[in-house]
Amino acid sequence: MQRRNLLKGIGLIAGGFALPELTLAKGEKDAEPVLRIAHLTDIHIKKGIRAALGFEKCLHHVQNLPDKPDMIINGGDAVMGARNTSADKSTREWEIFHQVLKSENGLPMISCIGNHDIWCKQDKVTAFYDGKARALELLELQRSYFSLDRNGWHIIVLDSIHAKAEGAGYTALLDEKQLAWLRADLQNTDKKIPILVVSHVPILSACVFLDGQNVRNGGWELPGSWMHTDCHELTKLFYSYPNVKLAISGHIHLHDKVEYNNITYCCNGAVSGNYWFGKYRQTKPGYAMIDLYADGTFNNRYVTY
């Protein structure tokens, strides 16, 4: 932990800044997990002291827990980035993100791509996917979706973010190529191996309905970027595989848990809370500690720091 070197590298002075001390959620420990994961999503690094020190504090909290995790999953939106950011500002945000990780993190990490990670200044499909290619390089990913095995669990990382046909904005779904890959990956995974699914945008969520006043003209109106528009197809697919146990996401900056067809879907808040200005609605800045057990059970608990 090189706090002085970090601040010097970022070129900032801490002054009197401090984040509030928040309480640690307590989880039951009836058995030892085979894998313990810290799910850090929606970090939203931006220029300025607040985000850098906040991310640093979160990493310290994760690594100083008595039940220290084995790995970190970055759930996407590592940087503020996105469409209205200049190229220089975007580059600086990624520099700060990597400086904090290099200085303050000693745990292995895998990443999921988020919409804010994709820098795109033009309403063109080609520009969008150029921005996605840049994000993959900065996240050190060979491609935007993949799977891996860890300690008896199979982890599937999905790419929720796809450009609209007109090139302006994105829709949360899996394209045909990724969906075919997912079907094959599920089919080829031993049915006795429990599966964890990771996406940036929730596949199924309750909190998306409560993120603002979304009832208009007597009906619900939710953007196609808030929750997977192919949720019907994905939940039906997962139902065919009883070893799919848990699906985690971020994006909404709120925390919820939905159980549907024996699968649990957890939207795990945001490290940045309300973009580094306290809690977002009722959810404080935080991350999820996920304990995975050999029998396919799990514990996903939200931890404020």
Protein backbone atom coordinates (compact mmCIF):
# COMPACT_ATOMS: atom_id res chain seq x y z
CA MET A 1 0.00 0.00 0.00
CA GLN A 2 1.87 3.05 -1.26
CA ARG A 3 -0.49 5.92 -0.51
CA ARG A 4 2.17 8.63 -0.73
CA ASN A 5 3.48 7.28 -4.03
CA LEU A 6 -0.06 6.98 -5.36
CA LEU A 7 -0.89 10.62 -4.61
CA LYS A 8 2.40 11.74 -6.06
CA GLY A 9 1.80 9.71 -9.24
CA ILE A 10 -1.67 11.11 -9.71
CA GLY A 11 -0.42 14.61 -9.00
CA LEU A 12 -2.93 15.38 -6.26
CA ILE A 13 -2.77 16.58 -2.66
CA ALA A 14 -5.14 14.98 -0.17
CA GLY A 15 -5.79 18.11 1.86
CA GLY A 16 -8.59 17.55 4.34
CA PHE A 17 -10.55 15.09 2.23
CA ALA A 18 -11.89 11.93 3.87
CA LEU A 19 -14.64 9.46 3.10
CA PRO A 20 -17.06 8.61 5.90
CA GLU A 21 -16.49 5.45 7.87
CA LEU A 22 -19.30 3.00 7.11
CA THR A 23 -20.20 -0.27 8.74
CA LEU A 24 -19.18 -3.73 7.59
CA ALA A 25 -22.02 -6.10 6.78
CA LYS A 26 -21.81 -9.32 8.79
CA GLY A 27 -22.26 -12.67 7.08
CA GLU A 28 -22.73 -16.12 8.54
CA LYS A 29 -19.79 -18.52 8.25
CA ASP A 30 -21.16 -22.03 8.65
CA ALA A 31 -18.52 -23.60 6.42
CA GLU A 32 -15.36 -22.55 4.63
CA PRO A 33 -16.01 -21.37 1.06
CA VAL A 34 -13.95 -22.80 -1.77
CA LEU A 35 -13.77 -19.35 -3.39
CA ARG A 36 -14.28 -15.86 -1.96
CA ILE A 37 -14.80 -12.99 -4.42
CA ALA A 38 -14.98 -9.23 -3.96
CA HIS A 39 -17.32 -7.86 -6.63
CA LEU A 40 -16.36 -4.21 -7.24
CA THR A 41 -18.55 -2.59 -9.84
CA ASP A 42 -19.15 0.96 -11.11
CA ILE A 43 -15.96 2.46 -9.76
CA HIS A 44 -16.23 5.44 -12.12
CA ILE A 45 -12.73 6.85 -11.77
CA LYS A 46 -12.58 10.50 -12.83
CA LYS A 47 -10.10 13.34 -12.54
CA GLY A 48 -9.84 14.80 -9.06
CA ILE A 49 -8.95 13.62 -5.59
CA ARG A 50 -12.30 12.16 -4.53
CA ALA A 51 -12.51 9.18 -6.86
CA ALA A 52 -8.84 8.21 -6.56
CA LEU A 53 -8.87 8.23 -2.77
CA GLY A 54 -12.27 6.55 -2.66
CA PHE A 55 -11.10 3.67 -4.85
CA GLU A 56 -7.95 3.41 -2.73
CA LYS A 57 -10.01 3.23 0.46
CA CYS A 58 -12.25 0.55 -1.03
CA LEU A 59 -9.26 -1.60 -2.01
CA HIS A 60 -7.77 -1.20 1.46
CA HIS A 61 -11.07 -2.24 3.01
CA VAL A 62 -11.30 -5.33 0.79
CA GLN A 63 -7.77 -6.47 1.56
CA ASN A 64 -7.90 -5.79 5.30
CA LEU A 65 -11.03 -7.85 5.95
CA PRO A 66 -10.54 -10.84 8.26
CA ASP A 67 -12.15 -12.95 5.50
CA LYS A 68 -9.90 -11.62 2.75
CA PRO A 69 -11.11 -12.58 -0.76
CA ASP A 70 -9.19 -14.74 -3.20
CA MET A 71 -9.88 -12.47 -6.14
CA ILE A 72 -11.65 -9.34 -7.36
CA ILE A 73 -14.22 -9.14 -10.14
CA ASN A 74 -14.38 -5.68 -11.70
CA GLY A 75 -18.01 -5.48 -12.79
CA GLY A 76 -17.57 -2.71 -15.36
CA ASP A 77 -17.62 1.09 -15.58
CA ALA A 78 -14.10 1.32 -14.22
CA VAL A 79 -13.93 4.93 -15.40
CA MET A 80 -16.41 7.78 -15.82
CA GLY A 81 -15.52 8.02 -19.50
CA ALA A 82 -18.34 7.55 -21.97
CA ARG A 83 -19.49 9.80 -24.78
CA ASN A 84 -19.01 13.35 -23.55
CA THR A 85 -15.41 12.95 -22.42
CA SER A 86 -12.46 14.28 -24.37
CA ALA A 87 -9.75 11.86 -25.49
CA ASP A 88 -7.23 13.42 -23.08
CA LYS A 89 -9.63 13.20 -20.14
CA SER A 90 -10.48 9.59 -20.94
CA THR A 91 -6.79 8.68 -21.12
CA ARG A 92 -6.15 10.37 -17.77
CA GLU A 93 -9.00 8.49 -16.11
CA TRP A 94 -7.56 5.16 -17.23
CA GLU A 95 -4.10 6.22 -16.04
CA ILE A 96 -5.49 6.95 -12.57
CA PHE A 97 -7.39 3.65 -12.51
CA HIS A 98 -4.24 1.68 -13.30
CA GLN A 99 -2.09 3.72 -10.92
CA VAL A 100 -4.41 2.99 -8.01
CA LEU A 101 -4.54 -0.72 -8.88
CA LYS A 102 -0.77 -0.98 -9.22
CA SER A 103 -0.12 0.86 -5.97
CA GLU A 104 -2.95 -0.41 -3.78
CA ASN A 105 -4.11 -3.83 -4.98
CA GLY A 106 -2.42 -7.17 -4.37
CA LEU A 107 -5.24 -9.46 -5.47
CA PRO A 108 -5.82 -11.09 -8.87
CA MET A 109 -8.61 -9.42 -10.81
CA ILE A 110 -10.78 -10.21 -13.81
CA SER A 111 -12.92 -7.59 -15.55
CA CYS A 112 -16.29 -7.23 -17.20
CA ILE A 113 -16.80 -4.40 -19.70
CA GLY A 114 -19.26 -1.61 -18.88
CA ASN A 115 -20.86 1.11 -21.00
CA HIS A 116 -18.77 3.92 -19.45
CA ASP A 117 -15.58 2.05 -20.36
CA ILE A 118 -16.37 2.56 -24.05
CA TRP A 119 -15.20 5.97 -25.25
CA CYS A 120 -17.07 7.04 -28.38
CA LYS A 121 -17.52 10.58 -29.70
CA GLN A 122 -19.50 9.75 -32.86
CA ASP A 123 -22.96 8.29 -33.38
CA LYS A 124 -21.63 5.53 -35.59
CA VAL A 125 -21.60 1.79 -35.03
CA THR A 126 -18.00 1.58 -36.21
CA ALA A 127 -16.94 4.28 -33.74
CA PHE A 128 -18.73 2.46 -30.92
CA TYR A 129 -16.92 -0.82 -31.57
CA ASP A 130 -13.61 0.98 -32.00
CA GLY A 131 -14.23 2.37 -28.52
CA LYS A 132 -15.03 -1.10 -27.23
CA ALA A 133 -11.79 -2.47 -28.71
CA ARG A 134 -9.89 0.31 -26.91
CA ALA A 135 -11.62 -0.54 -23.63
CA LEU A 136 -10.76 -4.23 -23.97
CA GLU A 137 -7.11 -3.34 -24.45
CA LEU A 138 -7.15 -1.07 -21.38
CA LEU A 139 -8.88 -3.79 -19.33
CA GLU A 140 -6.33 -6.33 -20.62
CA LEU A 141 -9.03 -8.54 -22.11
CA GLN A 142 -8.64 -10.58 -25.28
CA ARG A 143 -12.37 -10.45 -25.91
CA SER A 144 -15.45 -9.05 -24.21
CA TYR A 145 -16.93 -12.36 -23.02
CA PHE A 146 -15.21 -15.46 -21.69
CA SER A 147 -15.36 -18.17 -19.05
CA LEU A 148 -12.95 -19.72 -16.58
CA ASP A 149 -12.86 -22.31 -13.81
CA ARG A 150 -11.84 -21.48 -10.25
CA ASN A 151 -11.85 -23.87 -7.27
CA GLY A 152 -14.71 -26.03 -8.47
CA TRP A 153 -16.88 -23.20 -9.85
CA HIS A 154 -17.36 -22.14 -13.47
CA ILE A 155 -17.44 -18.36 -13.98
CA ILE A 156 -19.03 -16.89 -17.12
CA VAL A 157 -18.36 -13.23 -17.91
CA LEU A 158 -20.75 -11.66 -20.42
CA ASP A 159 -20.74 -8.48 -22.53
CA SER A 160 -24.07 -6.63 -22.08
CA ILE A 161 -23.19 -3.55 -24.15
CA HIS A 162 -24.10 -3.45 -27.85
CA ALA A 163 -24.56 -0.48 -30.17
CA LYS A 164 -27.99 0.41 -31.48
CA ALA A 165 -28.39 -0.02 -35.22
CA GLU A 166 -28.44 3.76 -35.75
CA GLY A 167 -25.18 4.10 -33.80
CA ALA A 168 -26.49 6.38 -31.04
CA GLY A 169 -26.42 4.73 -27.65
CA TYR A 170 -26.55 1.05 -26.74
CA THR A 171 -28.93 -1.74 -25.82
CA ALA A 172 -28.33 -4.36 -23.12
CA LEU A 173 -28.40 -7.81 -24.68
CA LEU A 174 -26.24 -10.58 -26.11
CA ASP A 175 -25.68 -10.56 -29.84
CA GLU A 176 -26.22 -13.76 -31.82
CA LYS A 177 -22.55 -14.75 -31.77
CA GLN A 178 -22.25 -14.35 -28.01
CA LEU A 179 -25.53 -16.13 -27.36
CA ALA A 180 -24.38 -19.11 -29.44
CA TRP A 181 -21.11 -19.15 -27.48
CA LEU A 182 -23.03 -19.04 -24.18
CA ARG A 183 -25.24 -21.95 -25.19
CA ALA A 184 -22.16 -23.99 -26.10
CA ASP A 185 -20.33 -23.03 -22.91
CA LEU A 186 -23.26 -24.10 -20.74
CA GLN A 187 -23.64 -27.33 -22.70
CA ASN A 188 -19.94 -28.15 -22.36
CA THR A 189 -19.74 -27.49 -18.61
CA ASP A 190 -20.08 -30.55 -16.37
CA LYS A 191 -23.57 -30.46 -14.86
CA LYS A 192 -22.09 -31.09 -11.42
CA ILE A 193 -20.05 -27.86 -11.56
CA PRO A 194 -21.92 -24.81 -10.17
CA ILE A 195 -21.93 -21.68 -12.34
CA LEU A 196 -21.60 -17.97 -11.54
CA VAL A 197 -22.67 -15.53 -14.29
CA VAL A 198 -21.25 -11.99 -14.41
CA SER A 199 -22.68 -9.12 -16.46
CA HIS A 200 -22.45 -5.36 -16.19
CA VAL A 201 -26.13 -4.69 -16.86
CA PRO A 202 -28.57 -6.75 -14.77
CA ILE A 203 -30.08 -9.73 -16.55
CA LEU A 204 -33.03 -9.60 -14.16
CA SER A 205 -33.53 -6.94 -11.50
CA ALA A 206 -36.14 -5.31 -9.28
CA CYS A 207 -34.29 -2.06 -8.58
CA VAL A 208 -34.50 -0.90 -12.21
CA PHE A 209 -38.19 -0.23 -11.62
CA LEU A 210 -37.37 2.01 -8.66
CA ASP A 211 -34.57 4.07 -10.20
CA GLY A 212 -36.70 7.16 -10.66
CA GLN A 213 -40.34 7.62 -11.63
CA ASN A 214 -40.75 5.09 -14.42
CA VAL A 215 -44.53 4.87 -14.69
CA ARG A 216 -45.84 7.03 -17.50
CA ASN A 217 -49.33 7.08 -18.99
CA GLY A 218 -50.36 4.23 -16.73
CA GLY A 219 -47.56 1.85 -17.75
CA TRP A 220 -43.95 1.05 -17.00
CA GLU A 221 -41.35 2.66 -19.26
CA LEU A 222 -37.81 1.34 -18.84
CA PRO A 223 -34.91 2.04 -21.20
CA GLY A 224 -33.44 -0.95 -22.99
CA SER A 225 -30.08 -0.02 -21.50
CA TRP A 226 -31.15 -0.58 -17.87
CA MET A 227 -31.83 -4.33 -17.91
CA HIS A 228 -31.15 -7.04 -20.49
CA THR A 229 -33.82 -6.82 -23.17
CA ASP A 230 -33.25 -10.52 -23.81
CA CYS A 231 -33.94 -11.41 -20.16
CA HIS A 232 -36.82 -13.70 -21.15
CA GLU A 233 -34.57 -15.76 -23.40
CA LEU A 234 -31.66 -15.82 -20.93
CA THR A 235 -33.74 -16.78 -17.89
CA LYS A 236 -35.35 -19.55 -19.94
CA LEU A 237 -31.89 -20.76 -21.03
CA PHE A 238 -30.55 -20.73 -17.46
CA TYR A 239 -33.61 -22.69 -16.27
CA SER A 240 -32.41 -25.57 -18.46
CA TYR A 241 -29.19 -25.74 -16.44
CA PRO A 242 -29.80 -26.29 -12.71
CA ASN A 243 -26.09 -25.76 -12.05
CA VAL A 244 -26.49 -22.04 -12.86
CA LYS A 245 -26.72 -20.72 -9.31
CA LEU A 246 -25.96 -16.99 -9.18
CA ALA A 247 -25.89 -14.06 -11.62
CA ILE A 248 -24.29 -10.76 -10.49
CA SER A 249 -24.33 -7.31 -12.05
CA GLY A 250 -23.93 -3.60 -11.36
CA HIS A 251 -24.85 -0.63 -13.58
CA ILE A 252 -27.86 0.66 -11.60
CA HIS A 253 -25.83 1.69 -8.49
CA LEU A 254 -28.54 0.08 -6.34
CA HIS A 255 -28.48 -3.21 -4.45
CA ASP A 256 -31.13 -5.89 -4.79
CA LYS A 257 -31.66 -9.66 -4.91
CA VAL A 258 -34.18 -11.42 -7.15
CA GLU A 259 -34.80 -15.16 -6.97
CA TYR A 260 -36.41 -16.62 -10.06
CA ASN A 261 -36.61 -20.28 -11.10
CA ASN A 262 -34.07 -21.30 -8.42
CA ILE A 263 -31.48 -18.79 -9.69
CA THR A 264 -30.47 -15.73 -7.68
CA TYR A 265 -29.81 -12.43 -9.47
CA CYS A 266 -27.91 -9.81 -7.45
CA CYS A 267 -27.40 -6.21 -8.51
CA ASN A 268 -24.44 -5.22 -6.34
CA GLY A 269 -24.57 -1.43 -5.96
CA ALA A 270 -21.56 0.72 -6.82
CA VAL A 271 -18.14 1.46 -5.37
CA SER A 272 -18.73 5.09 -6.34
CA GLY A 273 -22.25 5.31 -4.91
CA ASN A 274 -23.71 8.49 -6.39
CA TYR A 275 -20.64 9.11 -8.57
CA TRP A 276 -18.54 9.91 -5.46
CA PHE A 277 -21.14 12.11 -3.79
CA GLY A 278 -22.47 9.81 -1.07
CA LYS A 279 -25.18 7.20 -1.41
CA TYR A 280 -27.29 6.75 -4.51
CA ARG A 281 -30.92 6.82 -3.41
CA GLN A 282 -30.99 4.29 -0.56
CA THR A 283 -27.75 2.45 -1.45
CA LYS A 284 -24.45 3.49 0.13
CA PRO A 285 -21.12 3.17 -1.72
CA GLY A 286 -19.94 -0.41 -1.42
CA TYR A 287 -19.16 -3.76 -2.98
CA ALA A 288 -20.27 -7.38 -2.65
CA MET A 289 -18.42 -10.14 -0.84
CA ILE A 290 -19.39 -13.43 -2.42
CA ASP A 291 -18.63 -16.77 -0.79
CA LEU A 292 -18.94 -19.78 -3.09
CA TYR A 293 -19.21 -23.26 -1.54
CA ALA A 294 -18.36 -26.71 -2.88
CA ASP A 295 -22.00 -27.84 -2.82
CA GLY A 296 -23.12 -25.00 -5.13
CA THR A 297 -24.50 -22.77 -2.39
CA PHE A 298 -23.30 -19.20 -1.95
CA ASN A 299 -23.56 -16.04 0.12
CA ASN A 300 -23.71 -12.64 -1.63
CA ARG A 301 -23.60 -9.80 0.91
CA TYR A 302 -23.27 -6.08 0.33
CA VAL A 303 -20.46 -4.39 2.23
CA THR A 304 -20.18 -0.64 2.78
CA TYR A 305 -16.76 0.82 3.40
